[in-house]
Amino acid sequence: MNQHSLTLIGAGKTGKSIAKLLLGNQLISLTGILNRRHKSTQCAQEELGALHAYHDLNEIKPCDIIMIAVDDSSIAQVAHALSQAGVVNAGTIVFHLSGTYSSDVLAPLQAEGALIASVHPLRSFADPDKAIAHFSGTYCATDGDNAALSVLIPLFTQIGATPFTIDPADKGRYHAASVFAANFPIALYHIAQKLYAECGINAKTSHHISHSLMQGVVTNAKDALDLKSALTGPLARGDTQVIDKHLAALDATPELRSIYVALSEQLKELLDL
C-alpha cells in the first residue's frame, strides 16, 4: 500500500486521533510533529511514533501532507508562518480540521505552490478513545483544491468517514448549524434540569427524565418521514391553554420564557402554523 508522508501541526485530541486512525490503517507515515510546547511535542512523538519532534516550523522536513490541527484562531497565523518559513514545496497538500474556517484561510500557502483544503469531522473528540472507536460513519465537511481533495477524501473514506463537500462561503453557517445540533441540546437539557430542581425533583430523577425524553425525541426524528410527525406536546396538539400556563409559570424567569417563545416560533414554522 502506498503511504503518504504526513506532518502534524497541533498534537491535541483531534489531531492525534485522526493521525492514529490514518496510522492504524497504514495510510501514512508520520514524518514529524510540532506542538506549542516542545515537551508535549515529544510526548506526542513517542505516542504516535513520529520520526521528528520539531521545535519550530523552520525545521519541518519535506512531506506529502501537512495537517494543521491547532485551535481555529491560530490557523491563519500558522499558515502565514509556514509560508514565511519556506518549508512547503510545490504540490504539498496542506489542510486544516476547522469547522469554522474554509480552506481560504490557508491561501498564503498557495503562493508557495501548496494544494490547500479543509476537512472537518463532525465528531466530538473529548474522549479520543471513544472517538476513534466510533469514528466509522463520521460525516466530514470538505472544501478546497480538487487536487488536494482527490487525495484527502479517499484517505478519510478509508478510515471510515463519510465526506461531503461544502461551499467555502457557507462554512460559517454550516458550523452554526452543527452547534445547534451538537451543543444546544445540552443547553436545553440544562434548562430542564433547573426547572425540575425548582419543582423539588432530585438530580438523579431529573437526569433520567431528561435523558429519556431527549433520547425518545431524537429516535423519533431519526425514524420519522418528516419532522412534523416526530413532534409531540401542546403546540403539536394546538393546545393554547397549556402553552399559556407554561408561559405564566415561566414569568419568574424571563430569560427562559424568551427561549420558550423563540423555540415555539421555530416549531410553528415547522408545523405551518
C-alpha atoms as a PDB file:
ATOM      1  CA  MET A   1       0.000   0.000   0.000  1.00  0.00           C
ATOM      2  CA  ASN A   2       1.317   3.412  -0.971  1.00  0.00           C
ATOM      3  CA  GLN A   3       1.708   5.568   2.142  1.00  0.00           C
ATOM      4  CA  HIS A   4       1.704   9.351   2.244  1.00  0.00           C
ATOM      5  CA  SER A   5       4.224  11.096   4.477  1.00  0.00           C
ATOM      6  CA  LEU A   6       2.444  13.454   6.877  1.00  0.00           C
ATOM      7  CA  THR A   7       3.462  16.166   9.341  1.00  0.00           C
ATOM      8  CA  LEU A   8       1.100  17.025  12.185  1.00  0.00           C
ATOM      9  CA  ILE A   9       0.970  20.602  13.478  1.00  0.00           C
ATOM     10  CA  GLY A  10      -1.056  20.702  16.677  1.00  0.00           C
ATOM     11  CA  ALA A  11      -0.978  17.483  18.684  1.00  0.00           C
ATOM     12  CA  GLY A  12      -4.223  17.923  20.606  1.00  0.00           C
ATOM     13  CA  LYS A  13      -7.016  15.376  20.926  1.00  0.00           C
ATOM     14  CA  THR A  14      -8.422  15.827  17.429  1.00  0.00           C
ATOM     15  CA  GLY A  15      -5.111  15.917  15.580  1.00  0.00           C
ATOM     16  CA  LYS A  16      -3.721  12.888  17.379  1.00  0.00           C
ATOM     17  CA  SER A  17      -6.969  10.944  16.902  1.00  0.00           C
ATOM     18  CA  ILE A  18      -7.016  11.499  13.136  1.00  0.00           C
ATOM     19  CA  ALA A  19      -3.299  10.661  12.951  1.00  0.00           C
ATOM     20  CA  LYS A  20      -3.900   7.429  14.888  1.00  0.00           C
ATOM     21  CA  LEU A  21      -6.704   6.431  12.544  1.00  0.00           C
ATOM     22  CA  LEU A  22      -4.537   7.070   9.487  1.00  0.00           C
ATOM     23  CA  LEU A  23      -1.586   5.257  11.053  1.00  0.00           C
ATOM     24  CA  GLY A  24      -3.735   2.343  12.192  1.00  0.00           C
ATOM     25  CA  ASN A  25      -4.919   1.836   8.639  1.00  0.00           C
ATOM     26  CA  GLN A  26      -1.333   2.089   7.326  1.00  0.00           C
ATOM     27  CA  LEU A  27      -2.255   5.055   5.137  1.00  0.00           C
ATOM     28  CA  ILE A  28       0.504   7.402   6.263  1.00  0.00           C
ATOM     29  CA  SER A  29       3.984   7.553   7.689  1.00  0.00           C
ATOM     30  CA  LEU A  30       4.358  10.285  10.299  1.00  0.00           C
ATOM     31  CA  THR A  31       7.306  12.458   9.315  1.00  0.00           C
ATOM     32  CA  GLY A  32       7.090  14.799  12.266  1.00  0.00           C
ATOM     33  CA  ILE A  33       5.056  16.589  14.910  1.00  0.00           C
ATOM     34  CA  LEU A  34       5.033  20.177  16.084  1.00  0.00           C
ATOM     35  CA  ASN A  35       3.061  21.335  19.093  1.00  0.00           C
ATOM     36  CA  ARG A  36       3.023  24.623  21.007  1.00  0.00           C
ATOM     37  CA  ARG A  37       5.302  23.276  23.753  1.00  0.00           C
ATOM     38  CA  HIS A  38       8.235  21.046  22.918  1.00  0.00           C
ATOM     39  CA  LYS A  39       7.579  18.739  25.885  1.00  0.00           C
ATOM     40  CA  SER A  40       4.095  17.939  24.569  1.00  0.00           C
ATOM     41  CA  THR A  41       5.589  17.536  21.085  1.00  0.00           C
ATOM     42  CA  GLN A  42       7.986  14.902  22.421  1.00  0.00           C
ATOM     43  CA  CYS A  43       5.163  13.117  24.252  1.00  0.00           C
ATOM     44  CA  ALA A  44       3.098  13.029  21.055  1.00  0.00           C
ATOM     45  CA  GLN A  45       6.130  11.805  19.107  1.00  0.00           C
ATOM     46  CA  GLU A  46       6.536   8.883  21.497  1.00  0.00           C
ATOM     47  CA  GLU A  47       2.802   8.142  21.475  1.00  0.00           C
ATOM     48  CA  LEU A  48       2.462   8.162  17.696  1.00  0.00           C
ATOM     49  CA  GLY A  49       5.932   7.070  16.676  1.00  0.00           C
ATOM     50  CA  ALA A  50       6.744  10.138  14.600  1.00  0.00           C
ATOM     51  CA  LEU A  51      10.180  10.435  13.052  1.00  0.00           C
ATOM     52  CA  HIS A  52      10.826  14.015  14.208  1.00  0.00           C
ATOM     53  CA  ALA A  53       9.737  16.214  17.131  1.00  0.00           C
ATOM     54  CA  TYR A  54      10.113  19.738  15.755  1.00  0.00           C
ATOM     55  CA  HIS A  55      10.913  22.822  17.836  1.00  0.00           C
ATOM     56  CA  ASP A  56       9.533  25.277  15.258  1.00  0.00           C
ATOM     57  CA  LEU A  57       8.143  25.480  11.743  1.00  0.00           C
ATOM     58  CA  ASN A  58      11.524  26.135  10.126  1.00  0.00           C
ATOM     59  CA  GLU A  59      12.609  22.575  10.985  1.00  0.00           C
ATOM     60  CA  ILE A  60       9.802  20.831   9.075  1.00  0.00           C
ATOM     61  CA  LYS A  61      11.132  18.285   6.605  1.00  0.00           C
ATOM     62  CA  PRO A  62       9.614  17.734   3.146  1.00  0.00           C
ATOM     63  CA  CYS A  63       6.465  15.617   3.225  1.00  0.00           C
ATOM     64  CA  ASP A  64       3.375  14.902   1.135  1.00  0.00           C
ATOM     65  CA  ILE A  65       0.763  16.267   3.539  1.00  0.00           C
ATOM     66  CA  ILE A  66       0.710  18.770   6.392  1.00  0.00           C
ATOM     67  CA  MET A  67      -2.267  18.507   8.738  1.00  0.00           C
ATOM     68  CA  ILE A  68      -2.956  21.636  10.796  1.00  0.00           C
ATOM     69  CA  ALA A  69      -4.907  20.731  13.929  1.00  0.00           C
ATOM     70  CA  VAL A  70      -4.400  23.866  16.022  1.00  0.00           C
ATOM     71  CA  ASP A  71      -7.257  25.877  17.535  1.00  0.00           C
ATOM     72  CA  ASP A  72      -9.312  27.798  14.989  1.00  0.00           C
ATOM     73  CA  SER A  73      -7.997  31.227  15.960  1.00  0.00           C
ATOM     74  CA  SER A  74      -4.395  30.136  15.284  1.00  0.00           C
ATOM     75  CA  ILE A  75      -4.818  28.641  11.793  1.00  0.00           C
ATOM     76  CA  ALA A  76      -4.210  31.867   9.861  1.00  0.00           C
ATOM     77  CA  GLN A  77      -1.106  32.579  11.933  1.00  0.00           C
ATOM     78  CA  VAL A  78       0.270  29.091  11.294  1.00  0.00           C
ATOM     79  CA  ALA A  79      -0.448  29.389   7.560  1.00  0.00           C
ATOM     80  CA  HIS A  80       1.361  32.716   7.368  1.00  0.00           C
ATOM     81  CA  ALA A  81       4.318  31.394   9.374  1.00  0.00           C
ATOM     82  CA  LEU A  82       4.553  28.300   7.174  1.00  0.00           C
ATOM     83  CA  SER A  83       4.616  30.434   4.048  1.00  0.00           C
ATOM     84  CA  GLN A  84       7.381  32.577   5.551  1.00  0.00           C
ATOM     85  CA  ALA A  85       9.400  29.544   6.682  1.00  0.00           C
ATOM     86  CA  GLY A  86       9.752  28.276   3.127  1.00  0.00           C
ATOM     87  CA  VAL A  87       9.277  24.632   4.110  1.00  0.00           C
ATOM     88  CA  VAL A  88       6.253  23.947   1.900  1.00  0.00           C
ATOM     89  CA  ASN A  89       7.085  22.552  -1.520  1.00  0.00           C
ATOM     90  CA  ALA A  90       5.037  22.792  -4.706  1.00  0.00           C
ATOM     91  CA  GLY A  91       2.379  20.081  -4.617  1.00  0.00           C
ATOM     92  CA  THR A  92       2.422  19.664  -0.830  1.00  0.00           C
ATOM     93  CA  ILE A  93      -1.114  19.210   0.495  1.00  0.00           C
ATOM     94  CA  VAL A  94      -1.852  21.444   3.472  1.00  0.00           C
ATOM     95  CA  PHE A  95      -5.223  21.069   5.184  1.00  0.00           C
ATOM     96  CA  HIS A  96      -6.843  22.001   8.467  1.00  0.00           C
ATOM     97  CA  LEU A  97      -9.593  20.415  10.572  1.00  0.00           C
ATOM     98  CA  SER A  98     -11.607  23.514  11.462  1.00  0.00           C
ATOM     99  CA  GLY A  99     -15.365  23.665  11.136  1.00  0.00           C
ATOM    100  CA  THR A 100     -15.395  27.442  11.325  1.00  0.00           C
ATOM    101  CA  TYR A 101     -12.955  28.374   8.558  1.00  0.00           C
ATOM    102  CA  SER A 102     -12.779  27.223   4.961  1.00  0.00           C
ATOM    103  CA  SER A 103      -9.580  26.333   3.131  1.00  0.00           C
ATOM    104  CA  ASP A 104      -9.314  30.005   2.132  1.00  0.00           C
ATOM    105  CA  VAL A 105      -7.570  30.725   5.430  1.00  0.00           C
ATOM    106  CA  LEU A 106      -4.594  28.777   4.024  1.00  0.00           C
ATOM    107  CA  ALA A 107      -4.378  30.989   0.918  1.00  0.00           C
ATOM    108  CA  PRO A 108      -0.863  32.334   1.731  1.00  0.00           C
ATOM    109  CA  LEU A 109       0.460  28.816   1.118  1.00  0.00           C
ATOM    110  CA  GLN A 110      -0.898  28.679  -2.428  1.00  0.00           C
ATOM    111  CA  ALA A 111       1.764  31.195  -3.410  1.00  0.00           C
ATOM    112  CA  GLU A 112       4.311  28.543  -2.382  1.00  0.00           C
ATOM    113  CA  GLY A 113       2.627  26.003  -4.660  1.00  0.00           C
ATOM    114  CA  ALA A 114       0.748  24.194  -1.911  1.00  0.00           C
ATOM    115  CA  LEU A 115      -2.586  22.497  -2.509  1.00  0.00           C
ATOM    116  CA  ILE A 116      -4.969  23.628   0.229  1.00  0.00           C
ATOM    117  CA  ALA A 117      -8.092  22.080   1.745  1.00  0.00           C
ATOM    118  CA  SER A 118     -10.122  21.673   4.910  1.00  0.00           C
ATOM    119  CA  VAL A 119     -11.679  18.530   6.345  1.00  0.00           C
ATOM    120  CA  HIS A 120     -13.959  18.960   9.359  1.00  0.00           C
ATOM    121  CA  PRO A 121     -15.025  15.752  11.164  1.00  0.00           C
ATOM    122  CA  LEU A 122     -18.481  16.119  12.713  1.00  0.00           C
ATOM    123  CA  ARG A 123     -17.454  14.188  15.793  1.00  0.00           C
ATOM    124  CA  SER A 124     -16.620  15.091  19.384  1.00  0.00           C
ATOM    125  CA  PHE A 125     -13.039  14.217  20.338  1.00  0.00           C
ATOM    126  CA  ALA A 126     -13.498  14.987  24.047  1.00  0.00           C
ATOM    127  CA  ASP A 127     -12.822  11.281  24.680  1.00  0.00           C
ATOM    128  CA  PRO A 128     -10.276  10.325  21.987  1.00  0.00           C
ATOM    129  CA  ASP A 129     -10.544   6.572  22.581  1.00  0.00           C
ATOM    130  CA  LYS A 130     -14.311   6.656  22.085  1.00  0.00           C
ATOM    131  CA  ALA A 131     -13.977   8.970  19.082  1.00  0.00           C
ATOM    132  CA  ILE A 132     -11.546   6.562  17.412  1.00  0.00           C
ATOM    133  CA  ALA A 133     -13.644   3.501  18.271  1.00  0.00           C
ATOM    134  CA  HIS A 134     -16.821   5.079  16.877  1.00  0.00           C
ATOM    135  CA  PHE A 135     -15.308   7.101  14.025  1.00  0.00           C
ATOM    136  CA  SER A 136     -16.765   4.910  11.293  1.00  0.00           C
ATOM    137  CA  GLY A 137     -19.634   6.749   9.631  1.00  0.00           C
ATOM    138  CA  THR A 138     -18.486  10.184  10.816  1.00  0.00           C
ATOM    139  CA  TYR A 139     -19.523  12.881   8.367  1.00  0.00           C
ATOM    140  CA  CYS A 140     -16.696  15.181   7.271  1.00  0.00           C
ATOM    141  CA  ALA A 141     -17.256  18.531   5.535  1.00  0.00           C
ATOM    142  CA  THR A 142     -14.620  19.171   2.881  1.00  0.00           C
ATOM    143  CA  ASP A 143     -13.606  22.071   0.666  1.00  0.00           C
ATOM    144  CA  GLY A 144     -10.503  23.172  -1.182  1.00  0.00           C
ATOM    145  CA  ASP A 145      -8.379  22.427  -4.227  1.00  0.00           C
ATOM    146  CA  ASN A 146      -9.623  19.477  -6.242  1.00  0.00           C
ATOM    147  CA  ALA A 147      -6.115  18.024  -6.390  1.00  0.00           C
ATOM    148  CA  ALA A 148      -5.863  18.088  -2.584  1.00  0.00           C
ATOM    149  CA  LEU A 149      -9.331  16.608  -2.087  1.00  0.00           C
ATOM    150  CA  SER A 150      -8.606  13.847  -4.603  1.00  0.00           C
ATOM    151  CA  VAL A 151      -6.052  12.577  -2.069  1.00  0.00           C
ATOM    152  CA  LEU A 152      -7.718  13.519   1.226  1.00  0.00           C
ATOM    153  CA  ILE A 153     -11.226  12.240   0.512  1.00  0.00           C
ATOM    154  CA  PRO A 154     -10.036   8.670  -0.225  1.00  0.00           C
ATOM    155  CA  LEU A 155      -7.836   8.772   2.900  1.00  0.00           C
ATOM    156  CA  PHE A 156     -10.732   9.795   5.134  1.00  0.00           C
ATOM    157  CA  THR A 157     -13.063   7.343   3.428  1.00  0.00           C
ATOM    158  CA  GLN A 158     -10.637   4.534   4.215  1.00  0.00           C
ATOM    159  CA  ILE A 159     -10.692   5.382   7.944  1.00  0.00           C
ATOM    160  CA  GLY A 160     -14.490   5.169   7.908  1.00  0.00           C
ATOM    161  CA  ALA A 161     -15.531   8.769   7.260  1.00  0.00           C
ATOM    162  CA  THR A 162     -18.414   9.893   5.078  1.00  0.00           C
ATOM    163  CA  PRO A 163     -17.059  13.010   3.330  1.00  0.00           C
ATOM    164  CA  PHE A 164     -19.253  15.641   1.709  1.00  0.00           C
ATOM    165  CA  THR A 165     -18.328  18.914   0.041  1.00  0.00           C
ATOM    166  CA  ILE A 166     -19.442  22.369   1.132  1.00  0.00           C
ATOM    167  CA  ASP A 167     -19.144  25.784  -0.490  1.00  0.00           C
ATOM    168  CA  PRO A 168     -16.448  27.744   1.383  1.00  0.00           C
ATOM    169  CA  ALA A 169     -18.818  30.713   1.566  1.00  0.00           C
ATOM    170  CA  ASP A 170     -21.239  28.607   3.617  1.00  0.00           C
ATOM    171  CA  LYS A 171     -18.725  27.341   6.174  1.00  0.00           C
ATOM    172  CA  GLY A 172     -19.788  29.708   8.968  1.00  0.00           C
ATOM    173  CA  ARG A 173     -23.486  28.903   8.548  1.00  0.00           C
ATOM    174  CA  TYR A 174     -22.724  25.186   8.334  1.00  0.00           C
ATOM    175  CA  HIS A 175     -20.757  25.334  11.578  1.00  0.00           C
ATOM    176  CA  ALA A 176     -23.529  27.274  13.299  1.00  0.00           C
ATOM    177  CA  ALA A 177     -25.930  24.503  12.258  1.00  0.00           C
ATOM    178  CA  SER A 178     -23.561  21.959  13.761  1.00  0.00           C
ATOM    179  CA  VAL A 179     -23.516  23.889  17.056  1.00  0.00           C
ATOM    180  CA  PHE A 180     -27.320  23.840  17.112  1.00  0.00           C
ATOM    181  CA  ALA A 181     -27.257  20.068  16.635  1.00  0.00           C
ATOM    182  CA  ALA A 182     -24.304  19.181  18.861  1.00  0.00           C
ATOM    183  CA  ASN A 183     -24.181  21.803  21.638  1.00  0.00           C
ATOM    184  CA  PHE A 184     -27.562  23.423  22.170  1.00  0.00           C
ATOM    185  CA  PRO A 185     -29.345  20.180  23.164  1.00  0.00           C
ATOM    186  CA  ILE A 186     -27.085  20.255  26.235  1.00  0.00           C
ATOM    187  CA  ALA A 187     -28.311  23.792  26.961  1.00  0.00           C
ATOM    188  CA  LEU A 188     -31.908  22.556  26.755  1.00  0.00           C
ATOM    189  CA  TYR A 189     -31.009  19.614  28.991  1.00  0.00           C
ATOM    190  CA  HIS A 190     -29.550  22.080  31.490  1.00  0.00           C
ATOM    191  CA  ILE A 191     -32.701  24.226  31.405  1.00  0.00           C
ATOM    192  CA  ALA A 192     -34.903  21.182  32.023  1.00  0.00           C
ATOM    193  CA  GLN A 193     -32.692  20.160  34.947  1.00  0.00           C
ATOM    194  CA  LYS A 194     -33.032  23.620  36.513  1.00  0.00           C
ATOM    195  CA  LEU A 195     -36.808  23.647  36.169  1.00  0.00           C
ATOM    196  CA  TYR A 196     -37.144  20.133  37.542  1.00  0.00           C
ATOM    197  CA  ALA A 197     -34.987  21.117  40.519  1.00  0.00           C
ATOM    198  CA  GLU A 198     -37.244  24.101  41.180  1.00  0.00           C
ATOM    199  CA  CYS A 199     -40.121  21.628  41.365  1.00  0.00           C
ATOM    200  CA  GLY A 200     -38.322  19.646  44.073  1.00  0.00           C
ATOM    201  CA  ILE A 201     -37.314  16.736  41.843  1.00  0.00           C
ATOM    202  CA  ASN A 202     -33.931  15.334  42.828  1.00  0.00           C
ATOM    203  CA  ALA A 203     -30.991  15.454  40.427  1.00  0.00           C
ATOM    204  CA  LYS A 204     -30.852  11.721  39.734  1.00  0.00           C
ATOM    205  CA  THR A 205     -34.529  11.510  38.842  1.00  0.00           C
ATOM    206  CA  SER A 206     -34.477  14.685  36.733  1.00  0.00           C
ATOM    207  CA  HIS A 207     -31.421  13.389  34.888  1.00  0.00           C
ATOM    208  CA  HIS A 208     -33.206  10.156  33.983  1.00  0.00           C
ATOM    209  CA  ILE A 209     -36.373  12.007  32.956  1.00  0.00           C
ATOM    210  CA  SER A 210     -34.470  14.437  30.731  1.00  0.00           C
ATOM    211  CA  HIS A 211     -32.381  11.699  29.168  1.00  0.00           C
ATOM    212  CA  SER A 212     -35.393   9.512  28.467  1.00  0.00           C
ATOM    213  CA  LEU A 213     -37.378  12.340  26.841  1.00  0.00           C
ATOM    214  CA  MET A 214     -34.496  13.629  24.737  1.00  0.00           C
ATOM    215  CA  GLN A 215     -33.435  10.155  23.648  1.00  0.00           C
ATOM    216  CA  GLY A 216     -37.032   9.426  22.630  1.00  0.00           C
ATOM    217  CA  VAL A 217     -37.436  12.553  20.539  1.00  0.00           C
ATOM    218  CA  VAL A 218     -34.086  12.041  18.779  1.00  0.00           C
ATOM    219  CA  THR A 219     -35.127   8.482  17.919  1.00  0.00           C
ATOM    220  CA  ASN A 220     -38.486   9.731  16.652  1.00  0.00           C
ATOM    221  CA  ALA A 221     -36.798  12.379  14.500  1.00  0.00           C
ATOM    222  CA  LYS A 222     -34.375   9.819  13.072  1.00  0.00           C
ATOM    223  CA  ASP A 223     -37.143   7.380  12.147  1.00  0.00           C
ATOM    224  CA  ALA A 224     -39.754   9.910  11.016  1.00  0.00           C
ATOM    225  CA  LEU A 225     -40.559  10.530   7.373  1.00  0.00           C
ATOM    226  CA  ASP A 226     -40.770  14.221   8.274  1.00  0.00           C
ATOM    227  CA  LEU A 227     -40.104  16.176  11.469  1.00  0.00           C
ATOM    228  CA  LYS A 228     -43.754  17.108  11.919  1.00  0.00           C
ATOM    229  CA  SER A 229     -44.652  13.520  12.667  1.00  0.00           C
ATOM    230  CA  ALA A 230     -41.898  13.325  15.295  1.00  0.00           C
ATOM    231  CA  LEU A 231     -43.257  16.273  17.278  1.00  0.00           C
ATOM    232  CA  THR A 232     -45.487  15.828  20.318  1.00  0.00           C
ATOM    233  CA  GLY A 233     -46.681  18.224  23.009  1.00  0.00           C
ATOM    234  CA  PRO A 234     -49.162  21.083  23.335  1.00  0.00           C
ATOM    235  CA  LEU A 235     -48.056  23.015  20.239  1.00  0.00           C
ATOM    236  CA  ALA A 236     -48.443  19.956  18.009  1.00  0.00           C
ATOM    237  CA  ARG A 237     -51.923  19.418  19.518  1.00  0.00           C
ATOM    238  CA  GLY A 238     -52.871  23.070  19.213  1.00  0.00           C
ATOM    239  CA  ASP A 239     -53.461  23.281  22.971  1.00  0.00           C
ATOM    240  CA  THR A 240     -53.014  27.012  23.541  1.00  0.00           C
ATOM    241  CA  GLN A 241     -54.340  26.868  27.103  1.00  0.00           C
ATOM    242  CA  VAL A 242     -51.463  24.613  28.144  1.00  0.00           C
ATOM    243  CA  ILE A 243     -48.948  26.881  26.404  1.00  0.00           C
ATOM    244  CA  ASP A 244     -50.376  29.910  28.234  1.00  0.00           C
ATOM    245  CA  LYS A 245     -49.992  28.035  31.503  1.00  0.00           C
ATOM    246  CA  HIS A 246     -46.343  27.307  30.669  1.00  0.00           C
ATOM    247  CA  LEU A 247     -45.670  30.941  29.867  1.00  0.00           C
ATOM    248  CA  ALA A 248     -47.281  32.058  33.122  1.00  0.00           C
ATOM    249  CA  ALA A 249     -45.148  29.569  35.037  1.00  0.00           C
ATOM    250  CA  LEU A 250     -42.026  30.993  33.374  1.00  0.00           C
ATOM    251  CA  ASP A 251     -42.852  34.632  34.145  1.00  0.00           C
ATOM    252  CA  ALA A 252     -40.457  34.478  37.099  1.00  0.00           C
ATOM    253  CA  THR A 253     -37.565  33.630  34.773  1.00  0.00           C
ATOM    254  CA  PRO A 254     -37.911  35.949  31.749  1.00  0.00           C
ATOM    255  CA  GLU A 255     -34.800  34.597  30.011  1.00  0.00           C
ATOM    256  CA  LEU A 256     -36.255  31.053  29.995  1.00  0.00           C
ATOM    257  CA  ARG A 257     -39.636  32.408  28.905  1.00  0.00           C
ATOM    258  CA  SER A 258     -37.933  34.100  25.954  1.00  0.00           C
ATOM    259  CA  ILE A 259     -36.211  30.852  24.975  1.00  0.00           C
ATOM    260  CA  TYR A 260     -39.542  29.000  25.217  1.00  0.00           C
ATOM    261  CA  VAL A 261     -41.208  31.570  22.952  1.00  0.00           C
ATOM    262  CA  ALA A 262     -38.344  31.620  20.422  1.00  0.00           C
ATOM    263  CA  LEU A 263     -38.245  27.827  20.123  1.00  0.00           C
ATOM    264  CA  SER A 264     -42.028  27.679  19.874  1.00  0.00           C
ATOM    265  CA  GLU A 265     -41.852  30.061  16.919  1.00  0.00           C
ATOM    266  CA  GLN A 266     -39.490  27.651  15.173  1.00  0.00           C
ATOM    267  CA  LEU A 267     -41.899  24.800  15.813  1.00  0.00           C
ATOM    268  CA  LYS A 268     -44.788  26.891  14.459  1.00  0.00           C
ATOM    269  CA  GLU A 269     -42.783  27.365  11.269  1.00  0.00           C
ATOM    270  CA  LEU A 270     -42.240  23.603  11.075  1.00  0.00           C
ATOM    271  CA  LEU A 271     -45.962  22.966  11.632  1.00  0.00           C
ATOM    272  CA  ASP A 272     -47.007  25.723   9.188  1.00  0.00           C
ATOM    273  CA  LEU A 273     -48.965  27.475  11.921  1.00  0.00           C
END
